[in-house]
Amino acid sequence: MRTIAFSPDAIMAPFFDKKILTRAELLKLTGCSNMTLFRRLSEHGYYTSYNFNSRYYTIAEVARFDRKGLWEYHDVRFSKHGTLKATIRHLVSASEMGYSANDLAQLLGVRVASLLLPLTNDGLVVRENFGGWLYFSADPRQYEEQINRRRSTLQLPQPPIVVLPHQLDDKTTIEALVGLVKNPAAGPKQLRAYLKSRGMVVPLSALDALFERYELLKKRPAGTLETPS
């Protein structure tokens, strides 16, 4: 009995119509044996889904991978990086500042927590605690860059120094006097604006008290007093 030859094009043709197919669907549509199917798929190259227990297949000509190498079609997900474990490793290594388990789950559309500990134990990713576990590249140089970027995002701006009425501390007093040296004609309002530019929020009453304490208005040359508003 003559063996029927199945060309690679004949095996791949159903993908251009269906986009993704199970093994059973491929066998039914092509009429070839299981051995022939996998031989042709292996020769051509293919991807299996990383969800649905790797049940679905597709090929590069059909898949539309995004810039992270991921593609979703009717809730079936594929990665050009291979298995889910390999994909997690790649995404973590290529990230700007690491990922949390939740970040990866949202990105991949599947739960990933069960794979992160084995990846860490195998030295394929590095885990650090930033108020919660984050995962970074195992490459020392990339790890250092990711850690530094992550830390920089956690550096909150310093809040302004708030001075309560009549509680001008030594540091603020010195800064105020420096401002007066720079601008001898400044009155309390102008000095308040100067201190605000230096990150110090000072009530006008505190500066009025400062002027009274040091008799600054009395020591000024004529014509330098602030005009009342």
N, C-alpha and C. Protein backbone atom coordinates (compact mmCIF):
# COMPACT_ATOMS: atom_id res chain seq x y z
N MET A 1 0.84 -1.20 0.00
CA MET A 1 0.00 0.00 0.00
C MET A 1 0.86 1.24 0.00
N ARG A 2 0.55 2.15 -0.84
CA ARG A 2 1.36 3.36 -0.99
C ARG A 2 1.09 4.33 0.15
N THR A 3 2.18 4.86 0.74
CA THR A 3 2.05 5.82 1.83
C THR A 3 1.72 7.20 1.27
N ILE A 4 0.75 7.85 1.87
CA ILE A 4 0.37 9.19 1.44
C ILE A 4 1.35 10.20 2.02
N ALA A 5 1.87 11.06 1.15
CA ALA A 5 2.81 12.09 1.60
C ALA A 5 2.04 13.36 1.93
N PHE A 6 2.34 13.91 3.10
CA PHE A 6 1.72 15.17 3.52
C PHE A 6 2.78 16.26 3.51
N SER A 7 2.60 17.21 2.63
CA SER A 7 3.59 18.28 2.53
C SER A 7 3.48 19.23 3.73
N PRO A 8 4.57 19.94 4.06
CA PRO A 8 4.50 20.93 5.15
C PRO A 8 3.42 21.97 4.91
N ASP A 9 3.27 22.40 3.68
CA ASP A 9 2.24 23.42 3.39
C ASP A 9 0.84 22.89 3.67
N ALA A 10 0.61 21.63 3.36
CA ALA A 10 -0.71 21.04 3.60
C ALA A 10 -1.00 20.94 5.09
N ILE A 11 0.04 20.66 5.88
CA ILE A 11 -0.14 20.56 7.33
C ILE A 11 -0.38 21.93 7.95
N MET A 12 0.29 22.96 7.42
CA MET A 12 0.18 24.30 8.00
C MET A 12 -1.04 25.08 7.51
N ALA A 13 -1.61 24.68 6.42
CA ALA A 13 -2.70 25.44 5.81
C ALA A 13 -3.86 25.73 6.76
N PRO A 14 -4.29 24.79 7.59
CA PRO A 14 -5.44 25.09 8.46
C PRO A 14 -5.22 26.26 9.42
N PHE A 15 -3.97 26.51 9.78
CA PHE A 15 -3.70 27.62 10.71
C PHE A 15 -4.09 28.98 10.12
N PHE A 16 -3.97 29.12 8.81
CA PHE A 16 -4.27 30.41 8.19
C PHE A 16 -5.77 30.71 8.21
N ASP A 17 -6.54 29.67 8.39
CA ASP A 17 -7.99 29.85 8.48
C ASP A 17 -8.46 29.93 9.92
N LYS A 18 -7.94 29.02 10.77
CA LYS A 18 -8.42 28.90 12.15
C LYS A 18 -7.57 29.68 13.16
N LYS A 19 -6.37 30.05 12.80
CA LYS A 19 -5.42 30.76 13.67
C LYS A 19 -4.81 29.86 14.74
N ILE A 20 -5.64 29.21 15.54
CA ILE A 20 -5.15 28.30 16.57
C ILE A 20 -5.93 26.99 16.47
N LEU A 21 -5.26 25.89 16.78
CA LEU A 21 -5.89 24.58 16.65
C LEU A 21 -5.36 23.65 17.72
N THR A 22 -6.19 22.69 18.14
CA THR A 22 -5.74 21.63 19.03
C THR A 22 -5.13 20.51 18.17
N ARG A 23 -4.47 19.58 18.82
CA ARG A 23 -3.91 18.44 18.09
C ARG A 23 -5.02 17.64 17.42
N ALA A 24 -6.09 17.41 18.14
CA ALA A 24 -7.20 16.63 17.57
C ALA A 24 -7.77 17.32 16.34
N GLU A 25 -7.88 18.64 16.41
CA GLU A 25 -8.41 19.38 15.26
C GLU A 25 -7.46 19.31 14.07
N LEU A 26 -6.17 19.40 14.33
CA LEU A 26 -5.19 19.31 13.25
C LEU A 26 -5.21 17.93 12.59
N LEU A 27 -5.29 16.90 13.40
CA LEU A 27 -5.33 15.55 12.85
C LEU A 27 -6.58 15.34 11.99
N LYS A 28 -7.68 15.89 12.44
CA LYS A 28 -8.93 15.74 11.69
C LYS A 28 -8.88 16.51 10.38
N LEU A 29 -8.35 17.74 10.42
CA LEU A 29 -8.33 18.59 9.23
C LEU A 29 -7.30 18.14 8.19
N THR A 30 -6.19 17.59 8.66
CA THR A 30 -5.13 17.21 7.71
C THR A 30 -5.21 15.75 7.29
N GLY A 31 -5.79 14.91 8.14
CA GLY A 31 -5.89 13.50 7.81
C GLY A 31 -4.59 12.73 7.96
N CYS A 32 -3.59 13.36 8.54
CA CYS A 32 -2.30 12.67 8.69
C CYS A 32 -2.23 11.96 10.04
N SER A 33 -1.17 11.20 10.25
CA SER A 33 -0.99 10.50 11.52
C SER A 33 -0.40 11.44 12.55
N ASN A 34 -0.47 11.00 13.78
CA ASN A 34 0.08 11.79 14.87
C ASN A 34 1.58 12.00 14.68
N MET A 35 2.28 10.96 14.25
CA MET A 35 3.72 11.04 14.05
C MET A 35 4.07 12.02 12.93
N THR A 36 3.33 11.95 11.83
CA THR A 36 3.57 12.86 10.71
C THR A 36 3.30 14.30 11.11
N LEU A 37 2.22 14.50 11.86
CA LEU A 37 1.87 15.85 12.29
C LEU A 37 3.00 16.48 13.08
N PHE A 38 3.51 15.76 14.06
CA PHE A 38 4.55 16.35 14.90
C PHE A 38 5.88 16.47 14.18
N ARG A 39 6.12 15.59 13.23
CA ARG A 39 7.34 15.73 12.45
C ARG A 39 7.27 17.01 11.62
N ARG A 40 6.15 17.25 10.96
CA ARG A 40 6.00 18.46 10.14
C ARG A 40 5.98 19.73 11.00
N LEU A 41 5.32 19.67 12.14
CA LEU A 41 5.31 20.83 13.04
C LEU A 41 6.71 21.15 13.54
N SER A 42 7.45 20.12 13.88
CA SER A 42 8.81 20.33 14.38
C SER A 42 9.71 20.90 13.30
N GLU A 43 9.54 20.43 12.06
CA GLU A 43 10.33 20.95 10.95
C GLU A 43 10.01 22.42 10.67
N HIS A 44 8.75 22.76 10.79
CA HIS A 44 8.31 24.12 10.46
C HIS A 44 8.52 25.08 11.62
N GLY A 45 8.26 24.60 12.84
CA GLY A 45 8.27 25.45 14.01
C GLY A 45 6.86 25.81 14.41
N TYR A 46 6.59 25.81 15.71
CA TYR A 46 5.24 26.09 16.18
C TYR A 46 5.30 26.60 17.62
N TYR A 47 4.17 27.10 18.09
CA TYR A 47 4.04 27.55 19.47
C TYR A 47 2.86 26.83 20.12
N THR A 48 3.01 26.49 21.37
CA THR A 48 1.89 25.94 22.13
C THR A 48 1.44 26.98 23.15
N SER A 49 0.17 26.98 23.49
CA SER A 49 -0.36 27.95 24.44
C SER A 49 0.23 27.71 25.82
N TYR A 50 0.44 28.80 26.56
CA TYR A 50 0.94 28.62 27.92
C TYR A 50 -0.20 28.54 28.94
N ASN A 51 -1.43 28.68 28.47
CA ASN A 51 -2.58 28.36 29.31
C ASN A 51 -3.34 27.21 28.64
N PHE A 52 -4.43 26.77 29.23
CA PHE A 52 -5.19 25.62 28.72
C PHE A 52 -4.30 24.38 28.56
N ASN A 53 -3.35 24.24 29.49
CA ASN A 53 -2.47 23.04 29.51
C ASN A 53 -1.75 22.80 28.18
N SER A 54 -1.33 23.88 27.54
CA SER A 54 -0.58 23.78 26.26
C SER A 54 -1.38 23.05 25.19
N ARG A 55 -2.67 23.16 25.26
CA ARG A 55 -3.53 22.39 24.37
C ARG A 55 -3.54 22.93 22.94
N TYR A 56 -3.35 24.24 22.79
CA TYR A 56 -3.49 24.88 21.48
C TYR A 56 -2.14 25.12 20.81
N TYR A 57 -2.19 25.10 19.48
CA TYR A 57 -1.00 25.30 18.66
C TYR A 57 -1.23 26.48 17.70
N THR A 58 -0.14 27.12 17.36
CA THR A 58 -0.18 28.12 16.29
C THR A 58 1.20 28.18 15.66
N ILE A 59 1.32 28.98 14.60
CA ILE A 59 2.61 29.13 13.93
C ILE A 59 2.96 30.61 13.81
N ALA A 60 4.23 30.88 13.54
CA ALA A 60 4.72 32.26 13.54
C ALA A 60 4.04 33.13 12.50
N GLU A 61 3.66 32.56 11.37
CA GLU A 61 3.03 33.34 10.31
C GLU A 61 1.66 33.87 10.71
N VAL A 62 1.05 33.25 11.71
CA VAL A 62 -0.31 33.60 12.14
C VAL A 62 -0.30 34.46 13.41
N ALA A 63 0.57 34.11 14.33
CA ALA A 63 0.62 34.80 15.62
C ALA A 63 0.97 36.27 15.44
N ARG A 64 0.38 37.13 16.25
CA ARG A 64 0.65 38.57 16.22
C ARG A 64 1.18 38.98 17.59
N PHE A 65 2.43 38.66 17.83
CA PHE A 65 3.03 38.94 19.12
C PHE A 65 3.23 40.44 19.33
N ASP A 66 2.98 40.89 20.56
CA ASP A 66 3.22 42.29 20.88
C ASP A 66 4.70 42.50 21.19
N ARG A 67 5.05 43.71 21.63
CA ARG A 67 6.46 44.03 21.84
C ARG A 67 7.08 43.23 22.98
N LYS A 68 6.25 42.65 23.83
CA LYS A 68 6.77 41.79 24.89
C LYS A 68 6.80 40.32 24.47
N GLY A 69 6.39 40.05 23.24
CA GLY A 69 6.40 38.68 22.75
C GLY A 69 5.20 37.86 23.17
N LEU A 70 4.07 38.54 23.43
CA LEU A 70 2.86 37.86 23.88
C LEU A 70 1.73 38.05 22.87
N TRP A 71 0.87 37.05 22.79
CA TRP A 71 -0.28 37.12 21.89
C TRP A 71 -1.45 36.38 22.51
N GLU A 72 -2.62 37.00 22.47
CA GLU A 72 -3.84 36.38 22.98
C GLU A 72 -4.85 36.29 21.85
N TYR A 73 -5.46 35.13 21.73
CA TYR A 73 -6.50 34.94 20.71
C TYR A 73 -7.63 34.14 21.34
N HIS A 74 -8.79 34.78 21.49
CA HIS A 74 -9.96 34.13 22.09
C HIS A 74 -9.62 33.49 23.44
N ASP A 75 -8.93 34.26 24.28
CA ASP A 75 -8.54 33.84 25.64
C ASP A 75 -7.43 32.80 25.68
N VAL A 76 -6.94 32.39 24.52
CA VAL A 76 -5.82 31.46 24.48
C VAL A 76 -4.55 32.30 24.33
N ARG A 77 -3.55 32.01 25.15
CA ARG A 77 -2.37 32.87 25.22
C ARG A 77 -1.11 32.13 24.78
N PHE A 78 -0.31 32.86 24.02
CA PHE A 78 0.95 32.30 23.50
C PHE A 78 2.11 33.26 23.82
N SER A 79 3.28 32.70 23.87
CA SER A 79 4.49 33.49 24.08
C SER A 79 5.55 33.02 23.11
N LYS A 80 6.23 33.97 22.50
CA LYS A 80 7.32 33.61 21.59
C LYS A 80 8.55 33.15 22.36
N HIS A 81 8.50 33.30 23.69
CA HIS A 81 9.63 32.89 24.53
C HIS A 81 9.51 31.45 25.00
N GLY A 82 8.40 30.80 24.65
CA GLY A 82 8.26 29.38 24.97
C GLY A 82 7.27 29.14 26.09
N THR A 83 7.69 28.35 27.07
CA THR A 83 6.82 27.96 28.17
C THR A 83 6.52 29.16 29.08
N LEU A 84 5.55 28.99 29.95
CA LEU A 84 5.22 30.05 30.90
C LEU A 84 6.41 30.36 31.81
N LYS A 85 7.09 29.33 32.24
CA LYS A 85 8.26 29.52 33.11
C LYS A 85 9.35 30.30 32.39
N ALA A 86 9.62 29.94 31.14
CA ALA A 86 10.63 30.65 30.35
C ALA A 86 10.20 32.08 30.08
N THR A 87 8.91 32.28 29.89
CA THR A 87 8.38 33.62 29.61
C THR A 87 8.51 34.53 30.82
N ILE A 88 8.19 34.00 32.00
CA ILE A 88 8.34 34.78 33.23
C ILE A 88 9.79 35.20 33.41
N ARG A 89 10.70 34.27 33.22
CA ARG A 89 12.12 34.59 33.36
C ARG A 89 12.52 35.70 32.39
N HIS A 90 12.08 35.60 31.15
CA HIS A 90 12.43 36.61 30.15
C HIS A 90 11.86 37.97 30.53
N LEU A 91 10.59 38.01 30.90
CA LEU A 91 9.95 39.28 31.22
C LEU A 91 10.60 39.95 32.42
N VAL A 92 10.91 39.16 33.43
CA VAL A 92 11.58 39.72 34.62
C VAL A 92 12.95 40.27 34.25
N SER A 93 13.69 39.52 33.47
CA SER A 93 15.04 39.94 33.09
C SER A 93 15.03 41.18 32.21
N ALA A 94 14.00 41.32 31.37
CA ALA A 94 13.93 42.45 30.43
C ALA A 94 13.21 43.66 31.02
N SER A 95 12.70 43.55 32.24
CA SER A 95 11.92 44.64 32.82
C SER A 95 12.80 45.81 33.23
N GLU A 96 12.16 46.99 33.36
CA GLU A 96 12.88 48.19 33.77
C GLU A 96 13.27 48.13 35.23
N MET A 97 12.37 47.66 36.08
CA MET A 97 12.65 47.66 37.52
C MET A 97 11.97 46.50 38.24
N GLY A 98 12.00 45.33 37.59
CA GLY A 98 11.46 44.14 38.21
C GLY A 98 9.94 44.10 38.19
N TYR A 99 9.39 42.97 38.60
CA TYR A 99 7.94 42.79 38.64
C TYR A 99 7.53 42.12 39.94
N SER A 100 6.32 42.42 40.38
CA SER A 100 5.70 41.66 41.45
C SER A 100 4.93 40.50 40.83
N ALA A 101 4.49 39.58 41.67
CA ALA A 101 3.68 38.47 41.17
C ALA A 101 2.39 38.99 40.54
N ASN A 102 1.83 40.02 41.15
CA ASN A 102 0.60 40.59 40.61
C ASN A 102 0.84 41.27 39.26
N ASP A 103 1.97 41.96 39.12
CA ASP A 103 2.33 42.58 37.83
C ASP A 103 2.37 41.51 36.73
N LEU A 104 3.04 40.41 37.03
CA LEU A 104 3.20 39.34 36.03
C LEU A 104 1.86 38.67 35.72
N ALA A 105 1.04 38.48 36.75
CA ALA A 105 -0.26 37.85 36.53
C ALA A 105 -1.14 38.71 35.63
N GLN A 106 -1.10 40.02 35.84
CA GLN A 106 -1.90 40.92 35.00
C GLN A 106 -1.36 40.94 33.57
N LEU A 107 -0.05 40.91 33.44
CA LEU A 107 0.58 40.95 32.12
C LEU A 107 0.31 39.67 31.33
N LEU A 108 0.39 38.55 32.01
CA LEU A 108 0.29 37.25 31.34
C LEU A 108 -1.13 36.68 31.33
N GLY A 109 -2.01 37.23 32.20
CA GLY A 109 -3.38 36.76 32.22
C GLY A 109 -3.57 35.42 32.88
N VAL A 110 -2.57 34.96 33.63
CA VAL A 110 -2.66 33.69 34.36
C VAL A 110 -1.96 33.84 35.70
N ARG A 111 -2.23 32.93 36.60
CA ARG A 111 -1.55 32.92 37.89
C ARG A 111 -0.11 32.44 37.71
N VAL A 112 0.79 33.10 38.41
CA VAL A 112 2.21 32.77 38.23
C VAL A 112 2.92 32.46 39.53
N ALA A 113 2.23 32.65 40.67
CA ALA A 113 2.89 32.54 41.97
C ALA A 113 3.59 31.20 42.16
N SER A 114 2.99 30.13 41.70
CA SER A 114 3.56 28.80 41.92
C SER A 114 4.87 28.59 41.18
N LEU A 115 5.14 29.41 40.16
CA LEU A 115 6.37 29.26 39.38
C LEU A 115 7.49 30.17 39.86
N LEU A 116 7.16 31.19 40.62
CA LEU A 116 8.17 32.17 41.00
C LEU A 116 9.17 31.63 42.02
N LEU A 117 8.70 30.84 42.97
CA LEU A 117 9.63 30.28 43.95
C LEU A 117 10.62 29.31 43.31
N PRO A 118 10.16 28.38 42.44
CA PRO A 118 11.14 27.52 41.75
C PRO A 118 12.14 28.30 40.91
N LEU A 119 11.67 29.35 40.24
CA LEU A 119 12.59 30.19 39.46
C LEU A 119 13.63 30.84 40.36
N THR A 120 13.18 31.28 41.54
CA THR A 120 14.11 31.89 42.50
C THR A 120 15.09 30.85 43.03
N ASN A 121 14.58 29.70 43.41
CA ASN A 121 15.44 28.64 43.97
C ASN A 121 16.45 28.14 42.96
N ASP A 122 16.09 28.18 41.69
CA ASP A 122 17.00 27.73 40.63
C ASP A 122 17.99 28.82 40.22
N GLY A 123 17.87 30.00 40.83
CA GLY A 123 18.78 31.09 40.50
C GLY A 123 18.51 31.76 39.17
N LEU A 124 17.29 31.59 38.66
CA LEU A 124 16.94 32.16 37.36
C LEU A 124 16.39 33.57 37.48
N VAL A 125 15.85 33.91 38.65
CA VAL A 125 15.45 35.28 38.99
C VAL A 125 15.88 35.52 40.43
N VAL A 126 15.90 36.79 40.82
CA VAL A 126 16.28 37.16 42.19
C VAL A 126 15.08 37.82 42.85
N ARG A 127 14.82 37.44 44.10
CA ARG A 127 13.68 37.97 44.84
C ARG A 127 14.16 38.94 45.93
N GLU A 128 13.53 40.10 46.00
CA GLU A 128 13.86 41.10 47.02
C GLU A 128 12.56 41.63 47.63
N ASN A 129 12.64 42.01 48.89
CA ASN A 129 11.46 42.50 49.60
C ASN A 129 11.44 44.02 49.59
N PHE A 130 10.43 44.60 48.93
CA PHE A 130 10.21 46.04 48.92
C PHE A 130 8.83 46.32 49.51
N GLY A 131 8.60 45.85 50.74
CA GLY A 131 7.27 45.92 51.30
C GLY A 131 6.36 44.90 50.66
N GLY A 132 6.91 43.92 50.04
CA GLY A 132 6.26 42.88 49.25
C GLY A 132 7.30 42.34 48.30
N TRP A 133 7.19 41.08 47.91
CA TRP A 133 8.23 40.46 47.08
C TRP A 133 8.20 41.00 45.65
N LEU A 134 9.39 41.37 45.18
CA LEU A 134 9.59 41.76 43.79
C LEU A 134 10.67 40.87 43.19
N TYR A 135 10.57 40.67 41.87
CA TYR A 135 11.47 39.73 41.20
C TYR A 135 12.30 40.48 40.15
N PHE A 136 13.62 40.19 40.18
CA PHE A 136 14.57 40.90 39.34
C PHE A 136 15.44 39.91 38.56
N SER A 137 16.16 40.46 37.58
CA SER A 137 17.04 39.65 36.75
C SER A 137 18.14 39.01 37.58
N ALA A 138 18.54 37.80 37.18
CA ALA A 138 19.65 37.13 37.84
C ALA A 138 21.00 37.60 37.31
N ASP A 139 20.99 38.35 36.21
CA ASP A 139 22.23 38.91 35.69
C ASP A 139 22.67 40.06 36.61
N PRO A 140 23.88 40.02 37.16
CA PRO A 140 24.28 41.02 38.15
C PRO A 140 24.17 42.46 37.67
N ARG A 141 24.56 42.73 36.45
CA ARG A 141 24.50 44.10 35.94
C ARG A 141 23.06 44.57 35.78
N GLN A 142 22.22 43.72 35.17
CA GLN A 142 20.82 44.08 34.98
C GLN A 142 20.11 44.19 36.32
N TYR A 143 20.45 43.29 37.25
CA TYR A 143 19.86 43.34 38.59
C TYR A 143 20.15 44.68 39.26
N GLU A 144 21.38 45.13 39.19
CA GLU A 144 21.76 46.40 39.82
C GLU A 144 21.00 47.57 39.21
N GLU A 145 20.85 47.57 37.89
CA GLU A 145 20.12 48.66 37.22
C GLU A 145 18.65 48.64 37.61
N GLN A 146 18.06 47.45 37.66
CA GLN A 146 16.65 47.34 38.03
C GLN A 146 16.41 47.79 39.47
N ILE A 147 17.28 47.36 40.37
CA ILE A 147 17.16 47.72 41.78
C ILE A 147 17.25 49.23 41.96
N ASN A 148 18.21 49.85 41.27
CA ASN A 148 18.40 51.29 41.39
C ASN A 148 17.17 52.06 40.87
N ARG A 149 16.61 51.59 39.75
CA ARG A 149 15.41 52.25 39.23
C ARG A 149 14.24 52.10 40.19
N ARG A 150 14.10 50.92 40.75
CA ARG A 150 13.00 50.67 41.68
C ARG A 150 13.16 51.56 42.92
N ARG A 151 14.37 51.66 43.45
CA ARG A 151 14.59 52.49 44.63
C ARG A 151 14.33 53.97 44.35
N SER A 152 14.68 54.39 43.13
CA SER A 152 14.48 55.81 42.80
C SER A 152 13.00 56.17 42.78
N THR A 153 12.13 55.21 42.43
CA THR A 153 10.70 55.50 42.41
C THR A 153 10.12 55.57 43.81
N LEU A 154 10.83 55.02 44.78
CA LEU A 154 10.35 55.02 46.15
C LEU A 154 10.86 56.20 46.95
N GLN A 155 11.71 57.04 46.36
CA GLN A 155 12.23 58.21 47.04
C GLN A 155 11.22 59.35 46.90
N LEU A 156 10.40 59.50 47.91
CA LEU A 156 9.36 60.53 47.89
C LEU A 156 9.99 61.90 48.14
N PRO A 157 9.44 62.94 47.53
CA PRO A 157 9.98 64.28 47.77
C PRO A 157 9.84 64.66 49.23
N GLN A 158 10.84 65.40 49.72
CA GLN A 158 10.81 65.84 51.10
C GLN A 158 9.67 66.84 51.31
N PRO A 159 8.85 66.63 52.33
CA PRO A 159 7.77 67.60 52.59
C PRO A 159 8.35 68.93 53.05
N PRO A 160 7.68 70.02 52.76
CA PRO A 160 8.19 71.31 53.20
C PRO A 160 8.16 71.41 54.72
N ILE A 161 9.08 72.20 55.24
CA ILE A 161 9.11 72.44 56.68
C ILE A 161 7.99 73.42 57.01
N VAL A 162 7.08 73.01 57.87
CA VAL A 162 5.95 73.86 58.24
C VAL A 162 6.22 74.46 59.61
N VAL A 163 6.25 75.76 59.68
CA VAL A 163 6.51 76.47 60.94
C VAL A 163 5.21 77.02 61.46
N LEU A 164 4.87 76.68 62.68
CA LEU A 164 3.64 77.17 63.28
C LEU A 164 3.82 78.61 63.75
N PRO A 165 2.72 79.33 63.92
CA PRO A 165 2.82 80.73 64.35
C PRO A 165 3.63 80.87 65.64
N HIS A 166 4.54 81.82 65.62
CA HIS A 166 5.38 82.16 66.77
C HIS A 166 6.28 81.00 67.19
N GLN A 167 6.55 80.05 66.26
CA GLN A 167 7.44 78.93 66.57
C GLN A 167 8.55 78.85 65.53
N LEU A 168 9.17 79.96 65.26
CA LEU A 168 10.25 80.02 64.28
C LEU A 168 11.49 79.37 64.88
N ASP A 169 11.89 78.21 64.36
CA ASP A 169 13.04 77.53 64.94
C ASP A 169 14.34 78.18 64.47
N ASP A 170 15.44 77.70 65.04
CA ASP A 170 16.74 78.31 64.75
C ASP A 170 17.10 78.22 63.27
N LYS A 171 16.83 77.06 62.67
CA LYS A 171 17.18 76.87 61.26
C LYS A 171 16.42 77.85 60.37
N THR A 172 15.11 77.99 60.65
CA THR A 172 14.30 78.89 59.84
C THR A 172 14.68 80.35 60.10
N THR A 173 14.99 80.67 61.36
CA THR A 173 15.42 82.03 61.70
C THR A 173 16.69 82.40 60.94
N ILE A 174 17.65 81.48 60.93
CA ILE A 174 18.91 81.74 60.21
C ILE A 174 18.65 81.92 58.72
N GLU A 175 17.78 81.06 58.15
CA GLU A 175 17.47 81.15 56.73
C GLU A 175 16.78 82.48 56.43
N ALA A 176 15.91 82.93 57.36
CA ALA A 176 15.23 84.21 57.18
C ALA A 176 16.22 85.37 57.20
N LEU A 177 17.16 85.32 58.12
CA LEU A 177 18.15 86.40 58.23
C LEU A 177 19.07 86.41 57.01
N VAL A 178 19.37 85.22 56.49
CA VAL A 178 20.17 85.15 55.25
C VAL A 178 19.39 85.82 54.12
N GLY A 179 18.08 85.54 54.06
CA GLY A 179 17.25 86.18 53.04
C GLY A 179 17.26 87.69 53.15
N LEU A 180 17.29 88.20 54.37
CA LEU A 180 17.33 89.66 54.57
C LEU A 180 18.67 90.24 54.18
N VAL A 181 19.72 89.46 54.39
CA VAL A 181 21.04 89.93 53.95
C VAL A 181 21.08 90.05 52.43
N LYS A 182 20.46 89.07 51.76
CA LYS A 182 20.43 89.09 50.30
C LYS A 182 19.53 90.20 49.77
N ASN A 183 18.48 90.50 50.51
CA ASN A 183 17.52 91.53 50.08
C ASN A 183 17.13 92.38 51.28
N PRO A 184 17.96 93.37 51.62
CA PRO A 184 17.72 94.17 52.83
C PRO A 184 16.39 94.90 52.81
N ALA A 185 15.83 95.15 51.64
CA ALA A 185 14.58 95.89 51.56
C ALA A 185 13.35 95.00 51.74
N ALA A 186 13.54 93.70 51.89
CA ALA A 186 12.41 92.78 52.00
C ALA A 186 11.66 92.98 53.30
N GLY A 187 10.35 92.93 53.23
CA GLY A 187 9.50 92.94 54.40
C GLY A 187 9.01 91.53 54.69
N PRO A 188 8.16 91.36 55.71
CA PRO A 188 7.67 90.03 56.07
C PRO A 188 7.07 89.24 54.91
N LYS A 189 6.28 89.89 54.06
CA LYS A 189 5.64 89.18 52.95
C LYS A 189 6.66 88.70 51.93
N GLN A 190 7.61 89.58 51.60
CA GLN A 190 8.65 89.18 50.64
C GLN A 190 9.52 88.09 51.22
N LEU A 191 9.81 88.19 52.51
CA LEU A 191 10.63 87.18 53.16
C LEU A 191 9.90 85.83 53.21
N ARG A 192 8.59 85.89 53.39
CA ARG A 192 7.79 84.66 53.39
C ARG A 192 7.88 83.96 52.04
N ALA A 193 7.81 84.74 50.97
CA ALA A 193 7.93 84.17 49.63
C ALA A 193 9.31 83.55 49.42
N TYR A 194 10.32 84.21 49.92
CA TYR A 194 11.70 83.70 49.80
C TYR A 194 11.82 82.36 50.52
N LEU A 195 11.30 82.29 51.75
CA LEU A 195 11.40 81.05 52.53
C LEU A 195 10.60 79.92 51.87
N LYS A 196 9.47 80.26 51.27
CA LYS A 196 8.68 79.25 50.58
C LYS A 196 9.46 78.65 49.42
N SER A 197 10.23 79.49 48.73
CA SER A 197 11.06 78.99 47.63
C SER A 197 12.17 78.07 48.13
N ARG A 198 12.46 78.16 49.43
CA ARG A 198 13.48 77.30 50.05
C ARG A 198 12.86 76.09 50.73
N GLY A 199 11.55 75.88 50.50
CA GLY A 199 10.88 74.71 51.06
C GLY A 199 10.39 74.90 52.47
N MET A 200 10.23 76.14 52.92
CA MET A 200 9.78 76.42 54.28
C MET A 200 8.47 77.21 54.23
N VAL A 201 7.42 76.64 54.80
CA VAL A 201 6.12 77.29 54.84
C VAL A 201 6.00 77.99 56.19
N VAL A 202 6.06 79.29 56.18
CA VAL A 202 6.11 80.07 57.42
C VAL A 202 4.93 81.03 57.47
N PRO A 203 4.13 81.01 58.54
CA PRO A 203 3.03 81.96 58.68
C PRO A 203 3.55 83.39 58.74
N LEU A 204 2.77 84.30 58.21
CA LEU A 204 3.18 85.70 58.21
C LEU A 204 3.34 86.23 59.64
N SER A 205 2.50 85.72 60.56
CA SER A 205 2.58 86.18 61.94
C SER A 205 3.92 85.84 62.58
N ALA A 206 4.50 84.68 62.18
CA ALA A 206 5.80 84.30 62.71
C ALA A 206 6.89 85.25 62.23
N LEU A 207 6.77 85.70 60.98
CA LEU A 207 7.76 86.65 60.46
C LEU A 207 7.55 88.03 61.05
N ASP A 208 6.30 88.40 61.28
CA ASP A 208 6.06 89.67 61.97
C ASP A 208 6.73 89.67 63.33
N ALA A 209 6.61 88.52 64.02
CA ALA A 209 7.22 88.40 65.34
C ALA A 209 8.75 88.48 65.24
N LEU A 210 9.29 87.89 64.17
CA LEU A 210 10.74 87.95 63.96
C LEU A 210 11.20 89.39 63.77
N PHE A 211 10.48 90.16 62.97
CA PHE A 211 10.84 91.55 62.73
C PHE A 211 10.75 92.37 64.02
N GLU A 212 9.72 92.06 64.82
CA GLU A 212 9.58 92.78 66.08
C GLU A 212 10.70 92.40 67.05
N ARG A 213 11.03 91.12 67.07
CA ARG A 213 12.05 90.64 68.01
C ARG A 213 13.40 91.30 67.76
N TYR A 214 13.76 91.40 66.49
CA TYR A 214 15.06 91.98 66.16
C TYR A 214 14.96 93.46 65.76
N GLU A 215 13.75 94.01 65.90
CA GLU A 215 13.51 95.41 65.57
C GLU A 215 14.04 95.73 64.17
N LEU A 216 13.73 94.83 63.24
CA LEU A 216 14.28 94.97 61.88
C LEU A 216 13.68 96.15 61.13
N LEU A 217 12.40 96.42 61.34
CA LEU A 217 11.79 97.54 60.63
C LEU A 217 12.34 98.87 61.11
N LYS A 218 12.69 98.93 62.39
CA LYS A 218 13.23 100.18 62.93
C LYS A 218 14.63 100.46 62.41
N LYS A 219 15.36 99.42 62.07
CA LYS A 219 16.75 99.58 61.63
C LYS A 219 16.87 99.88 60.15
N ARG A 220 15.75 99.94 59.41
CA ARG A 220 15.81 100.12 57.97
C ARG A 220 15.97 101.57 57.60
N PRO A 221 16.62 101.79 56.46
CA PRO A 221 16.67 103.15 55.94
C PRO A 221 15.28 103.62 55.57
N ALA A 222 15.08 104.88 55.58
CA ALA A 222 13.77 105.44 55.20
C ALA A 222 13.38 105.03 53.81
N GLY A 223 12.09 104.75 53.60
CA GLY A 223 11.59 104.41 52.27
C GLY A 223 11.64 102.96 51.93
N THR A 224 12.04 102.08 52.92
CA THR A 224 12.13 100.65 52.60
C THR A 224 11.04 99.83 53.25
N LEU A 225 10.12 100.48 53.94
CA LEU A 225 9.04 99.72 54.58
C LEU A 225 8.07 99.19 53.55
N GLU A 226 7.47 98.01 53.87
CA GLU A 226 6.50 97.40 52.94
C GLU A 226 5.22 98.22 52.94
N THR A 227 4.65 98.31 51.82
CA THR A 227 3.35 99.00 51.70
C THR A 227 2.26 98.05 52.15
N PRO A 228 1.40 98.47 53.11
CA PRO A 228 0.34 97.58 53.57
C PRO A 228 -0.58 97.20 52.41
N SER A 229 -1.10 95.96 52.44
CA SER A 229 -2.02 95.53 51.38
C SER A 229 -3.41 95.39 51.94
